[in-house]
Amino acid sequence: MSREASPSIAARRGLRRRVADRVVAAVVIGGMELVRRMPDAPLWWLGNAAGSIEYLAARSRRDEARRNLRRVVEWMAAHGVGDESYHRAAVDGRALEAIVRSAFRHHAHYYIELARAPRFDFHYLQKRLVIETPDEVDAALTERRALILVGLHFGTIELPGFLALQRLGQVVAPMESLPNERIQAYMKRTRGVIGVRILTIEEAGPELLAVLRRNEPIGIIADRDLTGSGLPVELFGAKTKIPAGPALLATETGAPAYVSGVRRVGPGRYRGVLWPVPTPGGVSRRERSRSMVREEAILFERVIAAAPEQWLAVFHPIWPDLEPARKTNTGEAA
C-alpha cells in the first residue's frame, strides 16, 4: 500500500514545491520592482536599518566578517594604506566593530542595488558616478573589442559592467545559478534589456572563450574561489586562492584584462576605478596564469582598501589559516 501511495505523495510534494517557488518568486520580483521605482533617499535609510538588524541577528556571519576585516585593516595599517580610520581599527576593537556593522549595511544596499540595476542607464551614471581613473577608463573602453573586465564582490558590483556596455555595447557575463528558476529568469531578462547577456556557470567556460575570439568584451567577478579550483595567491599578506578564469582566458586569447570597482559614497552616489592588469610574465601558460593572478590580487587590494566594509566576500571564508579559529569559536570540531 505504501508503495502505491509513494507516487501520489511525491506528486503532492512536487506540487507544493512548485507552488512555493511561484509564491517566493512573486514576492521577490514584486519587491524588486517596488524598490526599483523608489527614490534613493528612503532606500538609503532602509538599507542601513536592514543591515543593522542583520548585524544583530547573524552572529556567525558577524564573527566571520570581523575575522576577515581585522586581517584587512591590520595589513592596511602595516603598509600605511588607506584612511586613518582603518588604521585605528587595527588596534581599537570598537573602531573595528563599527566597520563590521557598516559591512552589514552595505550588504543590504547590495540587494537594493540588485533590484535597481535596470535604472543604471547612461544618464543615471553620468549624474551619479565619479570616475577616479578617467585616463585608464578612456584607454580601455574606447572601442568594442575583446577585453576582460575583472570585478569583485565589492560595492555596487554590477556598475562597472554597465559602464562598459554604455561605451562598448553588449557585455557577456556569467552569474551563479539561483535555486528559483523564475527569479533567475527575471534577473536574466532585466539585465538583457540593459545590454548584459547573462550566462550560467555551466555554460560560461566555452562561451566566454568564443565571445573573446569574436573580439567582444566579457565581465567576470573573480575574487572568490567558489569551485575550489582557483590559483594560489597572497592577498592582504596571507595565502588564499582566487578564480583562474580571467587568467586562463587572457593567456588563451591574448585579450587584455582590467580590474574595476565602484564603491558607494552616499545615497545614489558612487566613485569608481579601473586599472589594467599588467601583461603576465613567464614562458609557459601556467607561469603566465600564475603571474596574472598575482597582479590581479595587488589590484584587488587597491580596490578594497578604499572601503573594506564594502567587500562582500568578508561574510565568507577567504583565508584557510583563519578557518581553525572559526571552528573553535563556533564550537565545531577543529
Protein backbone atom coordinates (compact mmCIF):
# COMPACT_ATOMS: atom_id res chain seq x y z
CA MET A 1 0.00 0.00 0.00
CA SER A 2 2.83 2.35 0.86
CA ARG A 3 4.40 1.58 -2.49
CA GLU A 4 1.22 2.55 -4.29
CA ALA A 5 0.94 5.76 -2.25
CA SER A 6 4.53 6.82 -2.87
CA PRO A 7 4.00 8.28 -6.37
CA SER A 8 0.99 10.21 -5.08
CA ILE A 9 2.96 11.59 -2.11
CA ALA A 10 5.87 12.53 -4.36
CA ALA A 11 3.49 14.30 -6.75
CA ARG A 12 1.92 16.29 -3.91
CA ARG A 13 5.34 17.27 -2.60
CA GLY A 14 6.40 18.31 -6.07
CA LEU A 15 3.27 20.39 -6.44
CA ARG A 16 3.86 22.09 -3.08
CA ARG A 17 7.43 22.92 -4.08
CA ARG A 18 6.27 24.42 -7.38
CA VAL A 19 3.60 26.49 -5.65
CA ALA A 20 6.08 27.65 -3.01
CA ASP A 21 8.60 28.59 -5.69
CA ARG A 22 5.95 30.63 -7.52
CA VAL A 23 4.90 32.42 -4.34
CA VAL A 24 8.52 33.20 -3.40
CA ALA A 25 9.26 34.41 -6.93
CA ALA A 26 6.15 36.62 -6.94
CA VAL A 27 7.11 38.20 -3.62
CA VAL A 28 10.77 38.69 -4.53
CA ILE A 29 10.12 40.04 -8.02
CA GLY A 30 7.31 42.26 -6.78
CA GLY A 31 9.58 43.64 -4.06
CA MET A 32 12.38 44.26 -6.55
CA GLU A 33 10.02 46.12 -8.86
CA LEU A 34 8.86 48.28 -5.95
CA VAL A 35 12.43 49.05 -4.87
CA ARG A 36 13.37 49.88 -8.45
CA ARG A 37 10.77 52.64 -8.55
CA MET A 38 11.53 54.23 -5.17
CA PRO A 39 13.74 57.34 -4.74
CA ASP A 40 17.28 56.97 -3.39
CA ALA A 41 16.98 58.74 -0.01
CA PRO A 42 14.45 56.45 1.74
CA LEU A 43 16.16 53.39 0.31
CA TRP A 44 19.46 54.50 1.82
CA TRP A 45 17.77 54.69 5.22
CA LEU A 46 16.03 51.36 4.64
CA GLY A 47 19.31 49.68 3.70
CA ASN A 48 21.04 50.98 6.81
CA ALA A 49 18.17 49.80 9.00
CA ALA A 50 18.03 46.34 7.42
CA GLY A 51 21.80 45.95 7.69
CA SER A 52 21.78 46.92 11.36
CA ILE A 53 19.11 44.30 12.07
CA GLU A 54 21.10 41.63 10.23
CA TYR A 55 24.22 42.62 12.19
CA LEU A 56 22.41 41.96 15.47
CA ALA A 57 20.79 38.72 14.31
CA ALA A 58 23.55 36.94 12.35
CA ARG A 59 26.20 36.04 14.90
CA SER A 60 28.22 33.60 12.81
CA ARG A 61 28.32 35.97 9.83
CA ARG A 62 29.31 38.78 12.19
CA ASP A 63 32.19 36.70 13.55
CA GLU A 64 33.33 35.75 10.03
CA ALA A 65 33.26 39.37 8.87
CA ARG A 66 35.17 40.51 11.95
CA ARG A 67 37.97 37.99 11.42
CA ASN A 68 38.35 38.87 7.77
CA LEU A 69 38.13 42.62 8.23
CA ARG A 70 40.65 42.51 11.07
CA ARG A 71 43.14 40.94 8.68
CA VAL A 72 42.47 43.60 6.04
CA VAL A 73 42.81 46.60 8.36
CA GLU A 74 45.92 45.18 10.04
CA TRP A 75 47.53 44.83 6.63
CA MET A 76 46.45 48.35 5.70
CA ALA A 77 47.90 49.78 8.91
CA ALA A 78 51.18 47.91 8.47
CA HIS A 79 51.57 49.19 4.91
CA GLY A 80 50.23 52.71 5.50
CA VAL A 81 47.43 52.17 3.00
CA GLY A 82 44.00 53.78 3.14
CA ASP A 83 42.26 56.13 5.52
CA GLU A 84 43.47 56.60 9.09
CA SER A 85 40.14 55.33 10.44
CA TYR A 86 41.00 51.86 9.14
CA HIS A 87 44.42 52.02 10.77
CA ARG A 88 42.74 52.75 14.13
CA ALA A 89 40.53 49.72 13.64
CA ALA A 90 43.65 47.55 13.55
CA VAL A 91 44.27 48.28 17.26
CA ASP A 92 40.88 49.51 18.53
CA GLY A 93 38.14 46.92 18.93
CA ARG A 94 35.36 49.49 18.90
CA ALA A 95 36.61 51.02 15.68
CA LEU A 96 36.81 47.56 14.10
CA GLU A 97 33.27 46.75 15.22
CA ALA A 98 31.99 49.94 13.61
CA ILE A 99 33.45 48.72 10.31
CA VAL A 100 31.87 45.29 10.78
CA ARG A 101 28.48 46.93 11.41
CA SER A 102 28.93 49.08 8.32
CA ALA A 103 29.68 45.95 6.27
CA PHE A 104 26.22 44.61 7.08
CA ARG A 105 24.63 47.87 5.99
CA HIS A 106 26.47 47.73 2.68
CA HIS A 107 25.38 44.12 2.31
CA ALA A 108 21.77 45.31 2.47
CA HIS A 109 22.50 48.09 -0.04
CA TYR A 110 23.87 45.49 -2.44
CA TYR A 111 20.48 43.79 -2.61
CA ILE A 112 18.71 47.10 -3.06
CA GLU A 113 21.01 47.95 -5.98
CA LEU A 114 20.50 44.48 -7.41
CA ALA A 115 16.83 45.42 -7.79
CA ARG A 116 17.62 48.90 -9.12
CA ALA A 117 20.17 47.77 -11.69
CA PRO A 118 17.77 48.35 -14.64
CA ARG A 119 17.94 52.07 -13.80
CA PHE A 120 21.69 52.23 -14.43
CA ASP A 121 21.48 53.82 -17.86
CA PHE A 122 23.78 56.45 -19.39
CA HIS A 123 22.06 59.44 -17.77
CA TYR A 124 21.98 57.77 -14.35
CA LEU A 125 25.70 57.01 -14.49
CA GLN A 126 26.59 60.43 -15.83
CA LYS A 127 24.90 62.17 -12.88
CA ARG A 128 25.91 59.81 -10.10
CA LEU A 129 29.22 58.12 -10.90
CA VAL A 130 32.58 59.86 -10.49
CA ILE A 131 35.40 58.05 -12.30
CA GLU A 132 38.66 58.43 -10.38
CA THR A 133 40.79 56.95 -13.18
CA PRO A 134 39.40 58.67 -16.30
CA ASP A 135 42.53 58.18 -18.41
CA GLU A 136 42.55 54.43 -17.75
CA VAL A 137 38.84 54.16 -18.49
CA ASP A 138 39.18 56.11 -21.75
CA ALA A 139 42.13 53.99 -22.83
CA ALA A 140 40.36 50.72 -22.05
CA LEU A 141 36.83 51.49 -23.22
CA THR A 142 37.34 53.36 -26.48
CA GLU A 143 36.15 50.74 -28.96
CA ARG A 144 34.36 47.42 -28.99
CA ARG A 145 36.98 44.70 -28.75
CA ALA A 146 37.99 41.60 -26.84
CA LEU A 147 38.73 42.50 -23.23
CA ILE A 148 38.17 41.00 -19.78
CA LEU A 149 36.62 43.23 -17.15
CA VAL A 150 37.51 41.65 -13.79
CA GLY A 151 35.29 42.66 -10.89
CA LEU A 152 34.91 41.84 -7.22
CA HIS A 153 32.11 41.26 -4.76
CA PHE A 154 32.64 44.87 -3.80
CA GLY A 155 30.45 47.96 -3.59
CA THR A 156 28.00 48.23 -6.46
CA ILE A 157 29.01 45.02 -8.20
CA GLU A 158 27.19 45.48 -11.48
CA LEU A 159 28.01 49.13 -12.18
CA PRO A 160 31.43 48.53 -13.82
CA GLY A 161 29.79 46.21 -16.33
CA PHE A 162 27.07 48.73 -17.08
CA LEU A 163 29.68 51.44 -17.61
CA ALA A 164 31.47 49.17 -20.08
CA LEU A 165 28.33 48.36 -22.02
CA GLN A 166 27.46 52.07 -22.31
CA ARG A 167 30.77 52.54 -24.11
CA LEU A 168 31.25 49.20 -25.85
CA GLY A 169 27.82 47.70 -26.39
CA GLN A 170 26.70 44.30 -25.10
CA VAL A 171 28.83 42.66 -22.40
CA VAL A 172 28.65 38.93 -21.66
CA ALA A 173 28.97 37.81 -18.03
CA PRO A 174 28.42 34.62 -16.02
CA MET A 175 26.16 34.55 -12.97
CA GLU A 176 25.74 31.97 -10.22
CA SER A 177 22.62 29.89 -10.74
CA LEU A 178 19.75 30.68 -8.39
CA PRO A 179 17.61 27.88 -6.93
CA ASN A 180 14.41 29.61 -8.05
CA GLU A 181 14.14 29.46 -11.84
CA ARG A 182 11.60 32.29 -12.05
CA ILE A 183 13.87 34.68 -10.18
CA GLN A 184 16.79 33.54 -12.34
CA ALA A 185 14.78 34.25 -15.48
CA TYR A 186 13.78 37.69 -14.15
CA MET A 187 17.42 38.60 -13.45
CA LYS A 188 18.46 37.41 -16.89
CA ARG A 189 15.63 39.32 -18.58
CA THR A 190 16.19 42.64 -16.78
CA ARG A 191 19.93 42.54 -17.49
CA GLY A 192 19.26 41.65 -21.10
CA VAL A 193 17.11 44.75 -21.55
CA ILE A 194 20.09 46.87 -20.46
CA GLY A 195 22.58 45.02 -22.62
CA VAL A 196 24.23 42.46 -20.34
CA ARG A 197 23.93 38.89 -21.61
CA ILE A 198 23.94 36.54 -18.64
CA LEU A 199 25.40 33.04 -18.82
CA THR A 200 25.04 30.22 -16.33
CA ILE A 201 28.21 28.96 -14.67
CA GLU A 202 27.83 25.67 -16.53
CA GLU A 203 27.89 27.27 -19.99
CA ALA A 204 30.32 30.08 -19.15
CA GLY A 205 33.68 28.42 -19.95
CA PRO A 206 33.39 27.66 -23.66
CA GLU A 207 31.02 30.55 -24.35
CA LEU A 208 33.27 33.22 -22.81
CA LEU A 209 36.17 31.90 -24.86
CA ALA A 210 34.04 32.09 -28.01
CA VAL A 211 32.98 35.67 -27.18
CA LEU A 212 36.59 36.80 -26.80
CA ARG A 213 37.52 35.13 -30.07
CA ARG A 214 34.74 37.12 -31.72
CA ASN A 215 36.56 40.21 -30.48
CA GLU A 216 33.86 41.10 -27.92
CA PRO A 217 34.09 42.08 -24.22
CA ILE A 218 33.26 39.96 -21.18
CA GLY A 219 32.93 40.60 -17.45
CA ILE A 220 33.83 38.20 -14.61
CA ILE A 221 33.58 38.54 -10.83
CA ALA A 222 36.77 36.85 -9.67
CA ASP A 223 37.64 37.47 -6.02
CA ARG A 224 36.05 34.32 -4.53
CA ASP A 225 37.06 30.77 -5.40
CA LEU A 226 33.65 29.10 -5.40
CA THR A 227 34.71 25.88 -7.10
CA GLY A 228 37.93 25.10 -5.22
CA SER A 229 39.90 25.08 -8.48
CA GLY A 230 41.41 28.55 -8.14
CA LEU A 231 45.06 29.53 -8.31
CA PRO A 232 47.12 30.23 -5.16
CA VAL A 233 47.90 33.85 -4.40
CA GLU A 234 48.77 36.13 -1.50
CA LEU A 235 46.03 38.60 -0.59
CA PHE A 236 46.42 41.07 2.27
CA GLY A 237 49.51 39.22 3.40
CA ALA A 238 48.06 35.70 3.62
CA LYS A 239 47.66 32.77 1.27
CA THR A 240 44.35 32.07 -0.43
CA LYS A 241 43.03 31.22 -3.91
CA ILE A 242 41.19 33.27 -6.50
CA PRO A 243 39.40 32.04 -9.63
CA ALA A 244 41.61 31.05 -12.53
CA GLY A 245 39.08 32.04 -15.21
CA PRO A 246 40.31 35.53 -16.16
CA ALA A 247 43.95 34.42 -16.24
CA LEU A 248 43.23 31.32 -18.32
CA LEU A 249 41.09 33.26 -20.79
CA ALA A 250 43.69 36.02 -21.08
CA THR A 251 46.56 33.62 -21.71
CA GLU A 252 44.48 31.63 -24.20
CA THR A 253 43.26 34.61 -26.25
CA GLY A 254 45.69 37.44 -25.53
CA ALA A 255 42.78 39.68 -24.50
CA PRO A 256 43.77 42.46 -22.08
CA ALA A 257 42.30 42.39 -18.58
CA TYR A 258 41.24 45.25 -16.32
CA VAL A 259 40.31 45.24 -12.64
CA SER A 260 37.45 47.56 -11.71
CA GLY A 261 35.49 48.54 -8.63
CA VAL A 262 32.73 51.00 -7.78
CA ARG A 263 32.03 52.00 -4.17
CA ARG A 264 29.14 53.87 -2.57
CA VAL A 265 29.79 57.34 -1.17
CA GLY A 266 26.20 58.36 -0.38
CA PRO A 267 22.58 57.82 -1.43
CA GLY A 268 22.76 57.06 -5.14
CA ARG A 269 26.34 58.36 -5.34
CA TYR A 270 29.34 56.34 -6.46
CA ARG A 271 33.06 56.55 -7.19
CA GLY A 272 34.80 54.06 -9.46
CA VAL A 273 38.26 52.97 -10.56
CA LEU A 274 39.66 50.81 -13.34
CA TRP A 275 43.25 49.65 -13.74
CA PRO A 276 44.88 47.48 -16.40
CA VAL A 277 46.31 44.16 -15.27
CA PRO A 278 49.99 44.14 -16.31
CA THR A 279 50.88 41.72 -19.08
CA PRO A 280 51.75 38.44 -17.33
CA GLY A 281 55.33 37.22 -17.45
CA GLY A 282 56.52 33.65 -17.86
CA VAL A 283 57.19 31.25 -20.70
CA SER A 284 54.55 28.58 -20.13
CA ARG A 285 50.80 29.15 -19.93
CA ARG A 286 50.90 28.02 -16.29
CA GLU A 287 53.56 30.59 -15.43
CA ARG A 288 51.66 33.37 -17.19
CA SER A 289 48.43 32.44 -15.41
CA ARG A 290 50.09 32.48 -12.00
CA SER A 291 51.77 35.77 -12.79
CA MET A 292 48.45 37.30 -13.78
CA VAL A 293 46.58 36.25 -10.62
CA ARG A 294 49.37 37.82 -8.55
CA GLU A 295 48.86 41.09 -10.40
CA GLU A 296 45.08 40.77 -10.00
CA ALA A 297 45.49 40.32 -6.24
CA ILE A 298 47.56 43.50 -5.98
CA LEU A 299 44.85 45.44 -7.78
CA PHE A 300 42.14 43.81 -5.66
CA GLU A 301 43.93 45.15 -2.59
CA ARG A 302 43.91 48.65 -4.06
CA VAL A 303 40.18 48.48 -4.78
CA ILE A 304 39.24 47.03 -1.39
CA ALA A 305 41.47 49.35 0.66
CA ALA A 306 39.33 52.32 -0.37
CA ALA A 307 36.36 50.86 1.55
CA PRO A 308 36.97 47.42 3.11
CA GLU A 309 33.49 47.37 4.63
CA GLN A 310 32.07 47.18 1.10
CA TRP A 311 33.86 43.92 0.27
CA LEU A 312 31.06 41.35 0.50
CA ALA A 313 33.48 38.43 0.48
CA VAL A 314 34.19 39.15 4.17
CA PHE A 315 30.99 37.25 5.05
CA HIS A 316 32.54 34.04 3.71
CA PRO A 317 35.74 32.08 4.36
CA ILE A 318 38.65 33.69 2.50
CA TRP A 319 41.90 32.55 4.11
CA PRO A 320 42.37 28.90 5.13
CA ASP A 321 44.53 29.80 8.13
CA LEU A 322 41.59 31.64 9.73
CA GLU A 323 39.26 28.66 9.49
CA PRO A 324 40.57 26.73 12.54
CA ALA A 325 39.79 29.84 14.59
CA ARG A 326 36.29 29.90 13.11
CA LYS A 327 35.65 26.26 14.02
CA THR A 328 36.94 26.73 17.56
CA ASN A 329 34.89 29.88 18.14
CA THR A 330 31.67 28.31 16.87
CA GLY A 331 32.12 25.06 18.80
CA GLU A 332 32.77 22.92 15.71
CA ALA A 333 35.45 20.25 15.72
CA ALA A 334 38.82 21.76 14.90
